[in-house]
Amino acid sequence: PYRDEVEVVHRSFELDPGRAKDDI
């Protein structure tokens, strides 16, 4: 009921931090 008062912020979390960009 108070959804208009809720601010949603998305934060970063990498499952594979440091993985090379071309490692697919």
mmCIF file of all heavy atoms, coordinates in Angstrom:
data_MODEL
# 
_entry.id   MODEL 
# 
loop_
_atom_site.group_PDB 
_atom_site.id 
_atom_site.type_symbol 
_atom_site.label_atom_id 
_atom_site.label_alt_id 
_atom_site.label_comp_id 
_atom_site.label_asym_id 
_atom_site.label_entity_id 
_atom_site.label_seq_id 
_atom_site.pdbx_PDB_ins_code 
_atom_site.Cartn_x 
_atom_site.Cartn_y 
_atom_site.Cartn_z 
_atom_site.occupancy 
_atom_site.B_iso_or_equiv 
_atom_site.pdbx_formal_charge 
_atom_site.auth_seq_id 
_atom_site.auth_comp_id 
_atom_site.auth_asym_id 
_atom_site.auth_atom_id 
_atom_site.pdbx_PDB_model_num 
ATOM 1   N N   . PRO A 1 1  ? 0.792  -1.234  0.000   1.00 0.00 ? 1  PRO A N   1 
ATOM 2   C CA  . PRO A 1 1  ? 0.000  0.000   0.000   1.00 0.00 ? 1  PRO A CA  1 
ATOM 3   C C   . PRO A 1 1  ? 0.824  1.284   0.000   1.00 0.00 ? 1  PRO A C   1 
ATOM 4   O O   . PRO A 1 1  ? 0.329  2.336   -0.404  1.00 0.00 ? 1  PRO A O   1 
ATOM 5   C CB  . PRO A 1 1  ? -0.860 -0.119  1.273   1.00 0.00 ? 1  PRO A CB  1 
ATOM 6   C CG  . PRO A 1 1  ? -0.188 -1.159  2.114   1.00 0.00 ? 1  PRO A CG  1 
ATOM 7   C CD  . PRO A 1 1  ? 0.481  -2.088  1.164   1.00 0.00 ? 1  PRO A CD  1 
ATOM 8   N N   . TYR A 1 2  ? 2.090  1.209   0.431   1.00 0.00 ? 2  TYR A N   1 
ATOM 9   C CA  . TYR A 1 2  ? 2.936  2.402   0.474   1.00 0.00 ? 2  TYR A CA  1 
ATOM 10  C C   . TYR A 1 2  ? 4.038  2.335   -0.594  1.00 0.00 ? 2  TYR A C   1 
ATOM 11  O O   . TYR A 1 2  ? 5.118  2.893   -0.419  1.00 0.00 ? 2  TYR A O   1 
ATOM 12  C CB  . TYR A 1 2  ? 3.557  2.544   1.870   1.00 0.00 ? 2  TYR A CB  1 
ATOM 13  C CG  . TYR A 1 2  ? 2.532  2.533   2.979   1.00 0.00 ? 2  TYR A CG  1 
ATOM 14  C CD1 . TYR A 1 2  ? 2.376  1.401   3.783   1.00 0.00 ? 2  TYR A CD1 1 
ATOM 15  C CD2 . TYR A 1 2  ? 1.705  3.627   3.196   1.00 0.00 ? 2  TYR A CD2 1 
ATOM 16  C CE1 . TYR A 1 2  ? 1.423  1.378   4.788   1.00 0.00 ? 2  TYR A CE1 1 
ATOM 17  C CE2 . TYR A 1 2  ? 0.748  3.610   4.203   1.00 0.00 ? 2  TYR A CE2 1 
ATOM 18  C CZ  . TYR A 1 2  ? 0.614  2.483   4.995   1.00 0.00 ? 2  TYR A CZ  1 
ATOM 19  O OH  . TYR A 1 2  ? -0.329 2.469   5.983   1.00 0.00 ? 2  TYR A OH  1 
ATOM 20  N N   . ARG A 1 3  ? 3.739  1.665   -1.705  1.00 0.00 ? 3  ARG A N   1 
ATOM 21  C CA  . ARG A 1 3  ? 4.764  1.453   -2.746  1.00 0.00 ? 3  ARG A CA  1 
ATOM 22  C C   . ARG A 1 3  ? 5.317  2.758   -3.301  1.00 0.00 ? 3  ARG A C   1 
ATOM 23  O O   . ARG A 1 3  ? 6.471  2.814   -3.714  1.00 0.00 ? 3  ARG A O   1 
ATOM 24  C CB  . ARG A 1 3  ? 4.196  0.602   -3.880  1.00 0.00 ? 3  ARG A CB  1 
ATOM 25  C CG  . ARG A 1 3  ? 2.968  1.196   -4.575  1.00 0.00 ? 3  ARG A CG  1 
ATOM 26  C CD  . ARG A 1 3  ? 2.380  0.220   -5.583  1.00 0.00 ? 3  ARG A CD  1 
ATOM 27  N NE  . ARG A 1 3  ? 1.147  0.712   -6.164  1.00 0.00 ? 3  ARG A NE  1 
ATOM 28  C CZ  . ARG A 1 3  ? -0.054 0.586   -5.606  1.00 0.00 ? 3  ARG A CZ  1 
ATOM 29  N NH1 . ARG A 1 3  ? -0.151 -0.028  -4.432  1.00 0.00 ? 3  ARG A NH1 1 
ATOM 30  N NH2 . ARG A 1 3  ? -1.138 1.059   -6.182  1.00 0.00 ? 3  ARG A NH2 1 
ATOM 31  N N   . ASP A 1 4  ? 4.504  3.824   -3.300  1.00 0.00 ? 4  ASP A N   1 
ATOM 32  C CA  . ASP A 1 4  ? 4.980  5.098   -3.836  1.00 0.00 ? 4  ASP A CA  1 
ATOM 33  C C   . ASP A 1 4  ? 6.044  5.732   -2.944  1.00 0.00 ? 4  ASP A C   1 
ATOM 34  O O   . ASP A 1 4  ? 6.732  6.673   -3.367  1.00 0.00 ? 4  ASP A O   1 
ATOM 35  C CB  . ASP A 1 4  ? 3.815  6.077   -4.015  1.00 0.00 ? 4  ASP A CB  1 
ATOM 36  C CG  . ASP A 1 4  ? 2.861  5.646   -5.123  1.00 0.00 ? 4  ASP A CG  1 
ATOM 37  O OD1 . ASP A 1 4  ? 3.282  4.835   -5.971  1.00 0.00 ? 4  ASP A OD1 1 
ATOM 38  O OD2 . ASP A 1 4  ? 1.702  6.112   -5.139  1.00 0.00 ? 4  ASP A OD2 1 
ATOM 39  N N   . GLU A 1 5  ? 6.190  5.232   -1.734  1.00 0.00 ? 5  GLU A N   1 
ATOM 40  C CA  . GLU A 1 5  ? 7.192  5.753   -0.812  1.00 0.00 ? 5  GLU A CA  1 
ATOM 41  C C   . GLU A 1 5  ? 8.458  4.889   -0.784  1.00 0.00 ? 5  GLU A C   1 
ATOM 42  O O   . GLU A 1 5  ? 9.348  5.129   0.032   1.00 0.00 ? 5  GLU A O   1 
ATOM 43  C CB  . GLU A 1 5  ? 6.605  5.840   0.593   1.00 0.00 ? 5  GLU A CB  1 
ATOM 44  C CG  . GLU A 1 5  ? 5.387  6.758   0.704   1.00 0.00 ? 5  GLU A CG  1 
ATOM 45  C CD  . GLU A 1 5  ? 4.786  6.746   2.092   1.00 0.00 ? 5  GLU A CD  1 
ATOM 46  O OE1 . GLU A 1 5  ? 5.563  6.743   3.072   1.00 0.00 ? 5  GLU A OE1 1 
ATOM 47  O OE2 . GLU A 1 5  ? 3.542  6.708   2.206   1.00 0.00 ? 5  GLU A OE2 1 
ATOM 48  N N   . VAL A 1 6  ? 8.520  3.905   -1.663  1.00 0.00 ? 6  VAL A N   1 
ATOM 49  C CA  . VAL A 1 6  ? 9.648  2.975   -1.681  1.00 0.00 ? 6  VAL A CA  1 
ATOM 50  C C   . VAL A 1 6  ? 10.586 3.315   -2.836  1.00 0.00 ? 6  VAL A C   1 
ATOM 51  O O   . VAL A 1 6  ? 10.175 3.388   -3.995  1.00 0.00 ? 6  VAL A O   1 
ATOM 52  C CB  . VAL A 1 6  ? 9.162  1.517   -1.826  1.00 0.00 ? 6  VAL A CB  1 
ATOM 53  C CG1 . VAL A 1 6  ? 10.359 0.564   -1.886  1.00 0.00 ? 6  VAL A CG1 1 
ATOM 54  C CG2 . VAL A 1 6  ? 8.246  1.143   -0.665  1.00 0.00 ? 6  VAL A CG2 1 
ATOM 55  N N   . GLU A 1 7  ? 11.851 3.541   -2.509  1.00 0.00 ? 7  GLU A N   1 
ATOM 56  C CA  . GLU A 1 7  ? 12.902 3.729   -3.513  1.00 0.00 ? 7  GLU A CA  1 
ATOM 57  C C   . GLU A 1 7  ? 13.673 2.426   -3.645  1.00 0.00 ? 7  GLU A C   1 
ATOM 58  O O   . GLU A 1 7  ? 14.141 1.874   -2.651  1.00 0.00 ? 7  GLU A O   1 
ATOM 59  C CB  . GLU A 1 7  ? 13.862 4.849   -3.097  1.00 0.00 ? 7  GLU A CB  1 
ATOM 60  C CG  . GLU A 1 7  ? 15.044 5.014   -4.042  1.00 0.00 ? 7  GLU A CG  1 
ATOM 61  C CD  . GLU A 1 7  ? 16.155 5.875   -3.463  1.00 0.00 ? 7  GLU A CD  1 
ATOM 62  O OE1 . GLU A 1 7  ? 16.115 6.165   -2.247  1.00 0.00 ? 7  GLU A OE1 1 
ATOM 63  O OE2 . GLU A 1 7  ? 17.068 6.250   -4.226  1.00 0.00 ? 7  GLU A OE2 1 
ATOM 64  N N   . VAL A 1 8  ? 13.800 1.913   -4.860  1.00 0.00 ? 8  VAL A N   1 
ATOM 65  C CA  . VAL A 1 8  ? 14.531 0.671   -5.100  1.00 0.00 ? 8  VAL A CA  1 
ATOM 66  C C   . VAL A 1 8  ? 15.861 1.002   -5.771  1.00 0.00 ? 8  VAL A C   1 
ATOM 67  O O   . VAL A 1 8  ? 15.897 1.698   -6.795  1.00 0.00 ? 8  VAL A O   1 
ATOM 68  C CB  . VAL A 1 8  ? 13.714 -0.297  -5.986  1.00 0.00 ? 8  VAL A CB  1 
ATOM 69  C CG1 . VAL A 1 8  ? 14.526 -1.570  -6.257  1.00 0.00 ? 8  VAL A CG1 1 
ATOM 70  C CG2 . VAL A 1 8  ? 12.396 -0.650  -5.311  1.00 0.00 ? 8  VAL A CG2 1 
ATOM 71  N N   . VAL A 1 9  ? 16.941 0.523   -5.183  1.00 0.00 ? 9  VAL A N   1 
ATOM 72  C CA  . VAL A 1 9  ? 18.282 0.734   -5.726  1.00 0.00 ? 9  VAL A CA  1 
ATOM 73  C C   . VAL A 1 9  ? 18.929 -0.626  -5.955  1.00 0.00 ? 9  VAL A C   1 
ATOM 74  O O   . VAL A 1 9  ? 18.936 -1.474  -5.063  1.00 0.00 ? 9  VAL A O   1 
ATOM 75  C CB  . VAL A 1 9  ? 19.158 1.563   -4.758  1.00 0.00 ? 9  VAL A CB  1 
ATOM 76  C CG1 . VAL A 1 9  ? 20.562 1.710   -5.318  1.00 0.00 ? 9  VAL A CG1 1 
ATOM 77  C CG2 . VAL A 1 9  ? 18.531 2.924   -4.507  1.00 0.00 ? 9  VAL A CG2 1 
ATOM 78  N N   . HIS A 1 10 ? 19.467 -0.827  -7.139  1.00 0.00 ? 10 HIS A N   1 
ATOM 79  C CA  . HIS A 1 10 ? 20.102 -2.095  -7.470  1.00 0.00 ? 10 HIS A CA  1 
ATOM 80  C C   . HIS A 1 10 ? 21.610 -1.986  -7.294  1.00 0.00 ? 10 HIS A C   1 
ATOM 81  O O   . HIS A 1 10 ? 22.241 -1.045  -7.775  1.00 0.00 ? 10 HIS A O   1 
ATOM 82  C CB  . HIS A 1 10 ? 19.733 -2.507  -8.895  1.00 0.00 ? 10 HIS A CB  1 
ATOM 83  C CG  . HIS A 1 10 ? 18.280 -2.792  -9.050  1.00 0.00 ? 10 HIS A CG  1 
ATOM 84  N ND1 . HIS A 1 10 ? 17.713 -3.999  -8.689  1.00 0.00 ? 10 HIS A ND1 1 
ATOM 85  C CD2 . HIS A 1 10 ? 17.256 -2.004  -9.475  1.00 0.00 ? 10 HIS A CD2 1 
ATOM 86  C CE1 . HIS A 1 10 ? 16.415 -3.952  -8.908  1.00 0.00 ? 10 HIS A CE1 1 
ATOM 87  N NE2 . HIS A 1 10 ? 16.110 -2.754  -9.377  1.00 0.00 ? 10 HIS A NE2 1 
ATOM 88  N N   . ARG A 1 11 ? 22.164 -2.954  -6.579  1.00 0.00 ? 11 ARG A N   1 
ATOM 89  C CA  . ARG A 1 11 ? 23.586 -2.976  -6.259  1.00 0.00 ? 11 ARG A CA  1 
ATOM 90  C C   . ARG A 1 11 ? 24.292 -4.105  -7.020  1.00 0.00 ? 11 ARG A C   1 
ATOM 91  O O   . ARG A 1 11 ? 23.672 -5.107  -7.380  1.00 0.00 ? 11 ARG A O   1 
ATOM 92  C CB  . ARG A 1 11 ? 23.792 -3.191  -4.760  1.00 0.00 ? 11 ARG A CB  1 
ATOM 93  C CG  . ARG A 1 11 ? 23.128 -2.148  -3.861  1.00 0.00 ? 11 ARG A CG  1 
ATOM 94  C CD  . ARG A 1 11 ? 23.784 -0.803  -3.997  1.00 0.00 ? 11 ARG A CD  1 
ATOM 95  N NE  . ARG A 1 11 ? 23.342 0.119   -2.966  1.00 0.00 ? 11 ARG A NE  1 
ATOM 96  C CZ  . ARG A 1 11 ? 23.619 1.415   -2.967  1.00 0.00 ? 11 ARG A CZ  1 
ATOM 97  N NH1 . ARG A 1 11 ? 24.335 1.936   -3.955  1.00 0.00 ? 11 ARG A NH1 1 
ATOM 98  N NH2 . ARG A 1 11 ? 23.192 2.199   -1.996  1.00 0.00 ? 11 ARG A NH2 1 
ATOM 99  N N   . SER A 1 12 ? 25.585 -3.942  -7.195  1.00 0.00 ? 12 SER A N   1 
ATOM 100 C CA  . SER A 1 12 ? 26.364 -4.893  -7.980  1.00 0.00 ? 12 SER A CA  1 
ATOM 101 C C   . SER A 1 12 ? 26.875 -6.064  -7.144  1.00 0.00 ? 12 SER A C   1 
ATOM 102 O O   . SER A 1 12 ? 27.313 -5.893  -6.008  1.00 0.00 ? 12 SER A O   1 
ATOM 103 C CB  . SER A 1 12 ? 27.571 -4.191  -8.607  1.00 0.00 ? 12 SER A CB  1 
ATOM 104 O OG  . SER A 1 12 ? 27.167 -3.154  -9.467  1.00 0.00 ? 12 SER A OG  1 
ATOM 105 N N   . PHE A 1 13 ? 26.828 -7.247  -7.764  1.00 0.00 ? 13 PHE A N   1 
ATOM 106 C CA  . PHE A 1 13 ? 27.395 -8.459  -7.182  1.00 0.00 ? 13 PHE A CA  1 
ATOM 107 C C   . PHE A 1 13 ? 27.759 -9.374  -8.348  1.00 0.00 ? 13 PHE A C   1 
ATOM 108 O O   . PHE A 1 13 ? 26.870 -9.851  -9.049  1.00 0.00 ? 13 PHE A O   1 
ATOM 109 C CB  . PHE A 1 13 ? 26.386 -9.149  -6.257  1.00 0.00 ? 13 PHE A CB  1 
ATOM 110 C CG  . PHE A 1 13 ? 26.949 -10.283 -5.437  1.00 0.00 ? 13 PHE A CG  1 
ATOM 111 C CD1 . PHE A 1 13 ? 27.115 -10.141 -4.065  1.00 0.00 ? 13 PHE A CD1 1 
ATOM 112 C CD2 . PHE A 1 13 ? 27.285 -11.491 -6.027  1.00 0.00 ? 13 PHE A CD2 1 
ATOM 113 C CE1 . PHE A 1 13 ? 27.621 -11.188 -3.303  1.00 0.00 ? 13 PHE A CE1 1 
ATOM 114 C CE2 . PHE A 1 13 ? 27.785 -12.541 -5.270  1.00 0.00 ? 13 PHE A CE2 1 
ATOM 115 C CZ  . PHE A 1 13 ? 27.957 -12.394 -3.900  1.00 0.00 ? 13 PHE A CZ  1 
ATOM 116 N N   . GLU A 1 14 ? 29.051 -9.612  -8.572  1.00 0.00 ? 14 GLU A N   1 
ATOM 117 C CA  . GLU A 1 14 ? 29.471 -10.490 -9.660  1.00 0.00 ? 14 GLU A CA  1 
ATOM 118 C C   . GLU A 1 14 ? 29.659 -11.915 -9.146  1.00 0.00 ? 14 GLU A C   1 
ATOM 119 O O   . GLU A 1 14 ? 30.364 -12.143 -8.166  1.00 0.00 ? 14 GLU A O   1 
ATOM 120 C CB  . GLU A 1 14 ? 30.792 -10.019 -10.246 1.00 0.00 ? 14 GLU A CB  1 
ATOM 121 C CG  . GLU A 1 14 ? 30.744 -8.692  -10.965 1.00 0.00 ? 14 GLU A CG  1 
ATOM 122 C CD  . GLU A 1 14 ? 32.157 -8.248  -11.305 1.00 0.00 ? 14 GLU A CD  1 
ATOM 123 O OE1 . GLU A 1 14 ? 32.810 -7.639  -10.432 1.00 0.00 ? 14 GLU A OE1 1 
ATOM 124 O OE2 . GLU A 1 14 ? 32.598 -8.545  -12.436 1.00 0.00 ? 14 GLU A OE2 1 
ATOM 125 N N   . LEU A 1 15 ? 29.060 -12.859 -9.825  1.00 0.00 ? 15 LEU A N   1 
ATOM 126 C CA  . LEU A 1 15 ? 29.273 -14.256 -9.477  1.00 0.00 ? 15 LEU A CA  1 
ATOM 127 C C   . LEU A 1 15 ? 30.657 -14.724 -9.902  1.00 0.00 ? 15 LEU A C   1 
ATOM 128 O O   . LEU A 1 15 ? 31.216 -15.644 -9.301  1.00 0.00 ? 15 LEU A O   1 
ATOM 129 C CB  . LEU A 1 15 ? 28.202 -15.130 -10.145 1.00 0.00 ? 15 LEU A CB  1 
ATOM 130 C CG  . LEU A 1 15 ? 26.781 -14.896 -9.631  1.00 0.00 ? 15 LEU A CG  1 
ATOM 131 C CD1 . LEU A 1 15 ? 25.789 -15.674 -10.476 1.00 0.00 ? 15 LEU A CD1 1 
ATOM 132 C CD2 . LEU A 1 15 ? 26.658 -15.275 -8.166  1.00 0.00 ? 15 LEU A CD2 1 
ATOM 133 N N   . ASP A 1 16 ? 31.201 -14.091 -10.941 1.00 0.00 ? 16 ASP A N   1 
ATOM 134 C CA  . ASP A 1 16 ? 32.546 -14.429 -11.425 1.00 0.00 ? 16 ASP A CA  1 
ATOM 135 C C   . ASP A 1 16 ? 33.407 -13.174 -11.493 1.00 0.00 ? 16 ASP A C   1 
ATOM 136 O O   . ASP A 1 16 ? 33.794 -12.738 -12.581 1.00 0.00 ? 16 ASP A O   1 
ATOM 137 C CB  . ASP A 1 16 ? 32.470 -15.080 -12.806 1.00 0.00 ? 16 ASP A CB  1 
ATOM 138 C CG  . ASP A 1 16 ? 32.002 -16.521 -12.746 1.00 0.00 ? 16 ASP A CG  1 
ATOM 139 O OD1 . ASP A 1 16 ? 32.424 -17.233 -11.818 1.00 0.00 ? 16 ASP A OD1 1 
ATOM 140 O OD2 . ASP A 1 16 ? 31.212 -16.932 -13.610 1.00 0.00 ? 16 ASP A OD2 1 
ATOM 141 N N   . PRO A 1 17 ? 33.729 -12.556 -10.352 1.00 0.00 ? 17 PRO A N   1 
ATOM 142 C CA  . PRO A 1 17 ? 34.552 -11.342 -10.397 1.00 0.00 ? 17 PRO A CA  1 
ATOM 143 C C   . PRO A 1 17 ? 35.932 -11.650 -10.971 1.00 0.00 ? 17 PRO A C   1 
ATOM 144 O O   . PRO A 1 17 ? 36.539 -12.672 -10.661 1.00 0.00 ? 17 PRO A O   1 
ATOM 145 C CB  . PRO A 1 17 ? 34.644 -10.922 -8.915  1.00 0.00 ? 17 PRO A CB  1 
ATOM 146 C CG  . PRO A 1 17 ? 34.367 -12.178 -8.147  1.00 0.00 ? 17 PRO A CG  1 
ATOM 147 C CD  . PRO A 1 17 ? 33.398 -12.955 -8.968  1.00 0.00 ? 17 PRO A CD  1 
ATOM 148 N N   . GLY A 1 18 ? 36.386 -10.774 -11.829 1.00 0.00 ? 18 GLY A N   1 
ATOM 149 C CA  . GLY A 1 18 ? 37.691 -10.977 -12.431 1.00 0.00 ? 18 GLY A CA  1 
ATOM 150 C C   . GLY A 1 18 ? 37.675 -11.837 -13.674 1.00 0.00 ? 18 GLY A C   1 
ATOM 151 O O   . GLY A 1 18 ? 38.724 -12.040 -14.307 1.00 0.00 ? 18 GLY A O   1 
ATOM 152 N N   . ARG A 1 19 ? 36.530 -12.351 -14.067 1.00 0.00 ? 19 ARG A N   1 
ATOM 153 C CA  . ARG A 1 19 ? 36.445 -13.162 -15.280 1.00 0.00 ? 19 ARG A CA  1 
ATOM 154 C C   . ARG A 1 19 ? 36.776 -12.303 -16.495 1.00 0.00 ? 19 ARG A C   1 
ATOM 155 O O   . ARG A 1 19 ? 36.302 -11.174 -16.617 1.00 0.00 ? 19 ARG A O   1 
ATOM 156 C CB  . ARG A 1 19 ? 35.040 -13.741 -15.429 1.00 0.00 ? 19 ARG A CB  1 
ATOM 157 C CG  . ARG A 1 19 ? 34.903 -14.774 -16.552 1.00 0.00 ? 19 ARG A CG  1 
ATOM 158 C CD  . ARG A 1 19 ? 33.453 -15.217 -16.717 1.00 0.00 ? 19 ARG A CD  1 
ATOM 159 N NE  . ARG A 1 19 ? 33.346 -16.308 -17.679 1.00 0.00 ? 19 ARG A NE  1 
ATOM 160 C CZ  . ARG A 1 19 ? 33.126 -17.580 -17.358 1.00 0.00 ? 19 ARG A CZ  1 
ATOM 161 N NH1 . ARG A 1 19 ? 32.998 -17.913 -16.092 1.00 0.00 ? 19 ARG A NH1 1 
ATOM 162 N NH2 . ARG A 1 19 ? 33.039 -18.507 -18.296 1.00 0.00 ? 19 ARG A NH2 1 
ATOM 163 N N   . ALA A 1 20 ? 37.585 -12.829 -17.387 1.00 0.00 ? 20 ALA A N   1 
ATOM 164 C CA  . ALA A 1 20 ? 37.972 -12.082 -18.578 1.00 0.00 ? 20 ALA A CA  1 
ATOM 165 C C   . ALA A 1 20 ? 36.765 -11.828 -19.469 1.00 0.00 ? 20 ALA A C   1 
ATOM 166 O O   . ALA A 1 20 ? 35.855 -12.668 -19.566 1.00 0.00 ? 20 ALA A O   1 
ATOM 167 C CB  . ALA A 1 20 ? 39.037 -12.847 -19.355 1.00 0.00 ? 20 ALA A CB  1 
ATOM 168 N N   . LYS A 1 21 ? 36.771 -10.679 -20.118 1.00 0.00 ? 21 LYS A N   1 
ATOM 169 C CA  . LYS A 1 21 ? 35.641 -10.289 -20.952 1.00 0.00 ? 21 LYS A CA  1 
ATOM 170 C C   . LYS A 1 21 ? 35.394 -11.281 -22.080 1.00 0.00 ? 21 LYS A C   1 
ATOM 171 O O   . LYS A 1 21 ? 34.243 -11.510 -22.476 1.00 0.00 ? 21 LYS A O   1 
ATOM 172 C CB  . LYS A 1 21 ? 35.891 -8.885  -21.515 1.00 0.00 ? 21 LYS A CB  1 
ATOM 173 C CG  . LYS A 1 21 ? 34.724 -8.306  -22.297 1.00 0.00 ? 21 LYS A CG  1 
ATOM 174 C CD  . LYS A 1 21 ? 34.971 -6.853  -22.624 1.00 0.00 ? 21 LYS A CD  1 
ATOM 175 C CE  . LYS A 1 21 ? 33.812 -6.246  -23.413 1.00 0.00 ? 21 LYS A CE  1 
ATOM 176 N NZ  . LYS A 1 21 ? 34.001 -4.793  -23.641 1.00 0.00 ? 21 LYS A NZ  1 
ATOM 177 N N   . ASP A 1 22 ? 36.463 -11.875 -22.603 1.00 0.00 ? 22 ASP A N   1 
ATOM 178 C CA  . ASP A 1 22 ? 36.307 -12.800 -23.723 1.00 0.00 ? 22 ASP A CA  1 
ATOM 179 C C   . ASP A 1 22 ? 36.193 -14.262 -23.290 1.00 0.00 ? 22 ASP A C   1 
ATOM 180 O O   . ASP A 1 22 ? 36.203 -15.173 -24.122 1.00 0.00 ? 22 ASP A O   1 
ATOM 181 C CB  . ASP A 1 22 ? 37.470 -12.646 -24.711 1.00 0.00 ? 22 ASP A CB  1 
ATOM 182 C CG  . ASP A 1 22 ? 38.825 -12.942 -24.073 1.00 0.00 ? 22 ASP A CG  1 
ATOM 183 O OD1 . ASP A 1 22 ? 38.870 -13.184 -22.846 1.00 0.00 ? 22 ASP A OD1 1 
ATOM 184 O OD2 . ASP A 1 22 ? 39.829 -12.913 -24.801 1.00 0.00 ? 22 ASP A OD2 1 
ATOM 185 N N   . ASP A 1 23 ? 36.071 -14.493 -21.977 1.00 0.00 ? 23 ASP A N   1 
ATOM 186 C CA  . ASP A 1 23 ? 35.924 -15.852 -21.457 1.00 0.00 ? 23 ASP A CA  1 
ATOM 187 C C   . ASP A 1 23 ? 34.434 -16.191 -21.415 1.00 0.00 ? 23 ASP A C   1 
ATOM 188 O O   . ASP A 1 23 ? 33.746 -15.949 -20.429 1.00 0.00 ? 23 ASP A O   1 
ATOM 189 C CB  . ASP A 1 23 ? 36.551 -15.952 -20.067 1.00 0.00 ? 23 ASP A CB  1 
ATOM 190 C CG  . ASP A 1 23 ? 36.488 -17.365 -19.499 1.00 0.00 ? 23 ASP A CG  1 
ATOM 191 O OD1 . ASP A 1 23 ? 36.040 -18.276 -20.210 1.00 0.00 ? 23 ASP A OD1 1 
ATOM 192 O OD2 . ASP A 1 23 ? 36.885 -17.545 -18.328 1.00 0.00 ? 23 ASP A OD2 1 
ATOM 193 N N   . ILE A 1 24 ? 33.940 -16.769 -22.495 1.00 0.00 ? 24 ILE A N   1 
ATOM 194 C CA  . ILE A 1 24 ? 32.520 -17.053 -22.650 1.00 0.00 ? 24 ILE A CA  1 
ATOM 195 C C   . ILE A 1 24 ? 32.363 -18.537 -22.968 1.00 0.00 ? 24 ILE A C   1 
ATOM 196 O O   . ILE A 1 24 ? 33.133 -19.098 -23.750 1.00 0.00 ? 24 ILE A O   1 
ATOM 197 C CB  . ILE A 1 24 ? 31.911 -16.213 -23.793 1.00 0.00 ? 24 ILE A CB  1 
ATOM 198 C CG1 . ILE A 1 24 ? 32.126 -14.721 -23.523 1.00 0.00 ? 24 ILE A CG1 1 
ATOM 199 C CG2 . ILE A 1 24 ? 30.416 -16.506 -23.953 1.00 0.00 ? 24 ILE A CG2 1 
ATOM 200 C CD1 . ILE A 1 24 ? 31.847 -13.848 -24.727 1.00 0.00 ? 24 ILE A CD1 1 
# 
